[in-house]
């Protein structure tokens, strides 16, 4: 994966996150029966867009090698975060992807967004990430950057839950 700005590519898929990095684990239960719909929202960028994130992608669906630039903020204050999809899961009980940071992203690391169904049929959404500051913005944010990452994962879970209840 040329251009990625971190080692341990794919670690969010296995859950074996590297030591010495900031870790995010957020898991929320979704309404039963929305597994496929929620998975499609994740893989098709609908989740992120519904959460208010600008997503410029070079494909309509997440797939290994697809590049995406997410944007948060307004106008000249928009923070651009280029990433590349490094893995995708779509195996019936697990649907989602992980993407890694590219040069120009304010952080270095990887983040995954996965919808899963457990043995009892319950549907879950999980955000797993590991990161470090790469640019001055994240370094200057200090502890507020960590709070933002957790709030972002929470907001995505809330948004996906809302999308699932609009059926």
C-alpha atoms as a PDB file:
ATOM      1  CA  UNK A   1       0.000   0.000   0.000  1.00  0.00           C
ATOM      2  CA  UNK A   2       2.182   2.807  -1.294  1.00  0.00           C
ATOM      3  CA  UNK A   3       1.667   6.156   0.334  1.00  0.00           C
ATOM      4  CA  UNK A   4       0.160   5.016   3.621  1.00  0.00           C
ATOM      5  CA  UNK A   5       1.669   6.908   6.549  1.00  0.00           C
ATOM      6  CA  UNK A   6       1.761   4.180   9.195  1.00  0.00           C
ATOM      7  CA  UNK A   7       2.898   0.584   9.791  1.00  0.00           C
ATOM      8  CA  UNK A   8       0.617  -2.318  10.834  1.00  0.00           C
ATOM      9  CA  UNK A   9      -1.675  -2.013   7.808  1.00  0.00           C
ATOM     10  CA  UNK A  10      -4.817  -4.065   8.405  1.00  0.00           C
ATOM     11  CA  UNK A  11      -4.559  -4.168  12.196  1.00  0.00           C
ATOM     12  CA  UNK A  12      -8.120  -2.873  12.583  1.00  0.00           C
ATOM     13  CA  UNK A  13      -9.355  -5.975  10.752  1.00  0.00           C
ATOM     14  CA  UNK A  14      -7.751  -8.364  13.203  1.00  0.00           C
ATOM     15  CA  UNK A  15      -8.229  -6.179  16.277  1.00  0.00           C
ATOM     16  CA  UNK A  16      -4.554  -6.609  17.183  1.00  0.00           C
ATOM     17  CA  UNK A  17      -3.848  -2.870  17.465  1.00  0.00           C
ATOM     18  CA  UNK A  18      -0.243  -1.720  17.840  1.00  0.00           C
ATOM     19  CA  UNK A  19       1.022  -0.649  21.247  1.00  0.00           C
ATOM     20  CA  UNK A  20       2.009   2.970  21.759  1.00  0.00           C
ATOM     21  CA  UNK A  21      -0.799   4.369  19.598  1.00  0.00           C
ATOM     22  CA  UNK A  22      -4.053   6.008  20.663  1.00  0.00           C
ATOM     23  CA  UNK A  23      -6.833   3.402  20.409  1.00  0.00           C
ATOM     24  CA  UNK A  24     -10.546   3.942  19.849  1.00  0.00           C
ATOM     25  CA  UNK A  25     -13.131   1.197  20.433  1.00  0.00           C
ATOM     26  CA  UNK A  26     -16.778   2.169  20.175  1.00  0.00           C
ATOM     27  CA  UNK A  27     -19.601  -0.346  19.839  1.00  0.00           C
ATOM     28  CA  UNK A  28     -23.334   0.300  19.655  1.00  0.00           C
ATOM     29  CA  UNK A  29     -26.267  -2.026  19.155  1.00  0.00           C
ATOM     30  CA  UNK A  30     -28.448  -1.347  16.135  1.00  0.00           C
ATOM     31  CA  UNK A  31     -32.073  -2.363  15.619  1.00  0.00           C
ATOM     32  CA  UNK A  32     -32.508  -6.073  14.881  1.00  0.00           C
ATOM     33  CA  UNK A  33     -33.018  -6.844  11.219  1.00  0.00           C
ATOM     34  CA  UNK A  34     -31.017  -3.915   9.836  1.00  0.00           C
ATOM     35  CA  UNK A  35     -27.738  -5.759   9.241  1.00  0.00           C
ATOM     36  CA  UNK A  36     -27.757  -5.622   5.435  1.00  0.00           C
ATOM     37  CA  UNK A  37     -29.126  -2.085   5.265  1.00  0.00           C
ATOM     38  CA  UNK A  38     -26.576  -0.806   7.787  1.00  0.00           C
ATOM     39  CA  UNK A  39     -23.755  -2.618   5.997  1.00  0.00           C
ATOM     40  CA  UNK A  40     -24.765  -1.051   2.681  1.00  0.00           C
ATOM     41  CA  UNK A  41     -24.784   2.397   4.332  1.00  0.00           C
ATOM     42  CA  UNK A  42     -21.243   1.826   5.588  1.00  0.00           C
ATOM     43  CA  UNK A  43     -19.797   0.421   2.342  1.00  0.00           C
ATOM     44  CA  UNK A  44     -21.562   2.993   0.156  1.00  0.00           C
ATOM     45  CA  UNK A  45     -20.387   6.049   2.150  1.00  0.00           C
ATOM     46  CA  UNK A  46     -23.997   6.881   3.116  1.00  0.00           C
ATOM     47  CA  UNK A  47     -23.223   6.665   6.829  1.00  0.00           C
ATOM     48  CA  UNK A  48     -20.461   9.258   6.682  1.00  0.00           C
ATOM     49  CA  UNK A  49     -22.426  11.593   4.428  1.00  0.00           C
ATOM     50  CA  UNK A  50     -25.515  11.344   6.671  1.00  0.00           C
ATOM     51  CA  UNK A  51     -23.257  12.253   9.614  1.00  0.00           C
ATOM     52  CA  UNK A  52     -22.340  15.503   7.867  1.00  0.00           C
ATOM     53  CA  UNK A  53     -18.928  14.453   6.563  1.00  0.00           C
ATOM     54  CA  UNK A  54     -18.020  15.416   3.004  1.00  0.00           C
ATOM     55  CA  UNK A  55     -16.750  12.325   1.236  1.00  0.00           C
ATOM     56  CA  UNK A  56     -14.911  12.718  -2.069  1.00  0.00           C
ATOM     57  CA  UNK A  57     -14.278   9.188  -3.294  1.00  0.00           C
ATOM     58  CA  UNK A  58     -13.006   7.634  -6.474  1.00  0.00           C
ATOM     59  CA  UNK A  59     -15.594   4.809  -6.265  1.00  0.00           C
ATOM     60  CA  UNK A  60     -19.241   4.556  -5.171  1.00  0.00           C
ATOM     61  CA  UNK A  61     -18.413   1.736  -2.744  1.00  0.00           C
ATOM     62  CA  UNK A  62     -15.505   0.955  -0.436  1.00  0.00           C
ATOM     63  CA  UNK A  63     -13.013  -1.513  -1.922  1.00  0.00           C
ATOM     64  CA  UNK A  64      -9.297  -2.073  -1.337  1.00  0.00           C
ATOM     65  CA  UNK A  65      -7.322   0.698  -3.004  1.00  0.00           C
ATOM     66  CA  UNK A  66     -10.200   3.186  -3.185  1.00  0.00           C
ATOM     67  CA  UNK A  67      -9.103   6.638  -2.142  1.00  0.00           C
ATOM     68  CA  UNK A  68     -11.311   8.989  -0.169  1.00  0.00           C
ATOM     69  CA  UNK A  69     -10.882  12.494   1.162  1.00  0.00           C
ATOM     70  CA  UNK A  70     -13.186  13.275   4.041  1.00  0.00           C
ATOM     71  CA  UNK A  71     -13.882  16.859   4.921  1.00  0.00           C
ATOM     72  CA  UNK A  72     -15.115  18.274   8.183  1.00  0.00           C
ATOM     73  CA  UNK A  73     -15.851  21.935   8.698  1.00  0.00           C
ATOM     74  CA  UNK A  74     -16.901  24.777   6.444  1.00  0.00           C
ATOM     75  CA  UNK A  75     -15.190  26.570   3.559  1.00  0.00           C
ATOM     76  CA  UNK A  76     -11.597  27.561   4.281  1.00  0.00           C
ATOM     77  CA  UNK A  77     -11.923  25.991   7.732  1.00  0.00           C
ATOM     78  CA  UNK A  78     -12.627  22.537   6.305  1.00  0.00           C
ATOM     79  CA  UNK A  79     -10.177  19.924   7.541  1.00  0.00           C
ATOM     80  CA  UNK A  80      -9.286  17.532   4.708  1.00  0.00           C
ATOM     81  CA  UNK A  81      -8.298  13.975   5.566  1.00  0.00           C
ATOM     82  CA  UNK A  82      -7.086  11.751   2.694  1.00  0.00           C
ATOM     83  CA  UNK A  83      -7.276   7.979   3.219  1.00  0.00           C
ATOM     84  CA  UNK A  84      -7.125   4.730   1.286  1.00  0.00           C
ATOM     85  CA  UNK A  85      -9.302   1.687   1.898  1.00  0.00           C
ATOM     86  CA  UNK A  86      -7.001  -1.151   2.990  1.00  0.00           C
ATOM     87  CA  UNK A  87      -9.520  -3.929   3.627  1.00  0.00           C
ATOM     88  CA  UNK A  88     -13.198  -4.763   3.147  1.00  0.00           C
ATOM     89  CA  UNK A  89     -15.355  -7.431   4.799  1.00  0.00           C
ATOM     90  CA  UNK A  90     -18.662  -8.604   3.352  1.00  0.00           C
ATOM     91  CA  UNK A  91     -19.092 -12.190   4.502  1.00  0.00           C
ATOM     92  CA  UNK A  92     -22.692 -12.398   5.609  1.00  0.00           C
ATOM     93  CA  UNK A  93     -22.236 -11.643   9.294  1.00  0.00           C
ATOM     94  CA  UNK A  94     -19.623  -8.881   9.007  1.00  0.00           C
ATOM     95  CA  UNK A  95     -19.808  -5.917   6.620  1.00  0.00           C
ATOM     96  CA  UNK A  96     -17.442  -2.963   6.681  1.00  0.00           C
ATOM     97  CA  UNK A  97     -14.047  -1.584   5.835  1.00  0.00           C
ATOM     98  CA  UNK A  98     -10.876  -0.116   7.217  1.00  0.00           C
ATOM     99  CA  UNK A  99      -8.980   2.794   5.741  1.00  0.00           C
ATOM    100  CA  UNK A 100      -5.558   4.166   6.409  1.00  0.00           C
ATOM    101  CA  UNK A 101      -4.142   7.644   6.367  1.00  0.00           C
ATOM    102  CA  UNK A 102      -2.298   9.162   3.427  1.00  0.00           C
ATOM    103  CA  UNK A 103       0.046  12.181   3.368  1.00  0.00           C
ATOM    104  CA  UNK A 104      -1.893  15.348   4.207  1.00  0.00           C
ATOM    105  CA  UNK A 105      -4.077  13.709   6.848  1.00  0.00           C
ATOM    106  CA  UNK A 106      -3.760  15.408  10.249  1.00  0.00           C
ATOM    107  CA  UNK A 107      -3.254  11.994  11.887  1.00  0.00           C
ATOM    108  CA  UNK A 108      -1.441   8.758  11.063  1.00  0.00           C
ATOM    109  CA  UNK A 109      -3.197   5.452  11.526  1.00  0.00           C
ATOM    110  CA  UNK A 110      -6.156   3.331  10.562  1.00  0.00           C
ATOM    111  CA  UNK A 111      -9.876   3.355  11.285  1.00  0.00           C
ATOM    112  CA  UNK A 112     -12.506   0.682  10.679  1.00  0.00           C
ATOM    113  CA  UNK A 113     -16.301   0.819  10.469  1.00  0.00           C
ATOM    114  CA  UNK A 114     -18.005  -2.580  10.777  1.00  0.00           C
ATOM    115  CA  UNK A 115     -21.564  -3.840  11.069  1.00  0.00           C
ATOM    116  CA  UNK A 116     -21.829  -7.357  12.495  1.00  0.00           C
ATOM    117  CA  UNK A 117     -24.458  -9.859  13.542  1.00  0.00           C
ATOM    118  CA  UNK A 118     -23.829 -12.043  16.595  1.00  0.00           C
ATOM    119  CA  UNK A 119     -25.039 -15.605  17.220  1.00  0.00           C
ATOM    120  CA  UNK A 120     -28.228 -14.299  18.845  1.00  0.00           C
ATOM    121  CA  UNK A 121     -29.027 -12.241  15.731  1.00  0.00           C
ATOM    122  CA  UNK A 122     -28.276  -8.883  17.362  1.00  0.00           C
ATOM    123  CA  UNK A 123     -26.798  -6.252  15.043  1.00  0.00           C
ATOM    124  CA  UNK A 124     -23.826  -4.167  16.135  1.00  0.00           C
ATOM    125  CA  UNK A 125     -21.853  -1.250  14.719  1.00  0.00           C
ATOM    126  CA  UNK A 126     -18.246  -0.845  15.766  1.00  0.00           C
ATOM    127  CA  UNK A 127     -15.575   1.766  15.163  1.00  0.00           C
ATOM    128  CA  UNK A 128     -12.000   0.626  15.858  1.00  0.00           C
ATOM    129  CA  UNK A 129      -8.983   2.838  15.282  1.00  0.00           C
ATOM    130  CA  UNK A 130      -5.389   3.479  16.162  1.00  0.00           C
ATOM    131  CA  UNK A 131      -3.728   6.818  15.525  1.00  0.00           C
ATOM    132  CA  UNK A 132      -1.064   9.375  16.309  1.00  0.00           C
ATOM    133  CA  UNK A 133      -0.898  13.057  15.418  1.00  0.00           C
ATOM    134  CA  UNK A 134       0.769  13.716  12.063  1.00  0.00           C
ATOM    135  CA  UNK A 135       0.171  17.400  11.541  1.00  0.00           C
ATOM    136  CA  UNK A 136       0.244  20.463  13.703  1.00  0.00           C
ATOM    137  CA  UNK A 137      -3.566  20.495  13.978  1.00  0.00           C
ATOM    138  CA  UNK A 138      -3.728  17.211  15.896  1.00  0.00           C
ATOM    139  CA  UNK A 139      -0.676  17.994  18.000  1.00  0.00           C
ATOM    140  CA  UNK A 140      -2.151  21.386  18.924  1.00  0.00           C
ATOM    141  CA  UNK A 141      -5.493  19.758  19.765  1.00  0.00           C
ATOM    142  CA  UNK A 142      -3.849  17.638  22.467  1.00  0.00           C
ATOM    143  CA  UNK A 143      -6.448  15.934  24.696  1.00  0.00           C
ATOM    144  CA  UNK A 144      -9.264  17.639  22.767  1.00  0.00           C
ATOM    145  CA  UNK A 145      -8.221  15.560  19.738  1.00  0.00           C
ATOM    146  CA  UNK A 146      -8.789  12.357  21.701  1.00  0.00           C
ATOM    147  CA  UNK A 147     -12.176  13.604  22.848  1.00  0.00           C
ATOM    148  CA  UNK A 148     -13.065  14.467  19.244  1.00  0.00           C
ATOM    149  CA  UNK A 149     -12.171  10.954  18.042  1.00  0.00           C
ATOM    150  CA  UNK A 150     -14.440   9.383  20.645  1.00  0.00           C
ATOM    151  CA  UNK A 151     -17.243  11.831  19.896  1.00  0.00           C
ATOM    152  CA  UNK A 152     -16.877  11.146  16.157  1.00  0.00           C
ATOM    153  CA  UNK A 153     -17.262   7.384  16.722  1.00  0.00           C
ATOM    154  CA  UNK A 154     -20.293   8.018  18.952  1.00  0.00           C
ATOM    155  CA  UNK A 155     -21.832  10.341  16.319  1.00  0.00           C
ATOM    156  CA  UNK A 156     -21.379   7.742  13.568  1.00  0.00           C
ATOM    157  CA  UNK A 157     -23.088   5.108  15.741  1.00  0.00           C
ATOM    158  CA  UNK A 158     -25.971   7.440  16.479  1.00  0.00           C
ATOM    159  CA  UNK A 159     -26.299   8.346  12.799  1.00  0.00           C
ATOM    160  CA  UNK A 160     -26.324   4.715  11.657  1.00  0.00           C
ATOM    161  CA  UNK A 161     -28.905   3.858  14.291  1.00  0.00           C
ATOM    162  CA  UNK A 162     -31.080   6.709  12.972  1.00  0.00           C
ATOM    163  CA  UNK A 163     -30.665   5.506   9.374  1.00  0.00           C
ATOM    164  CA  UNK A 164     -31.780   2.024  10.420  1.00  0.00           C
ATOM    165  CA  UNK A 165     -34.931   3.256  12.140  1.00  0.00           C
ATOM    166  CA  UNK A 166     -36.093   5.227   9.073  1.00  0.00           C
ATOM    167  CA  UNK A 167     -37.196   2.079   7.253  1.00  0.00           C
END
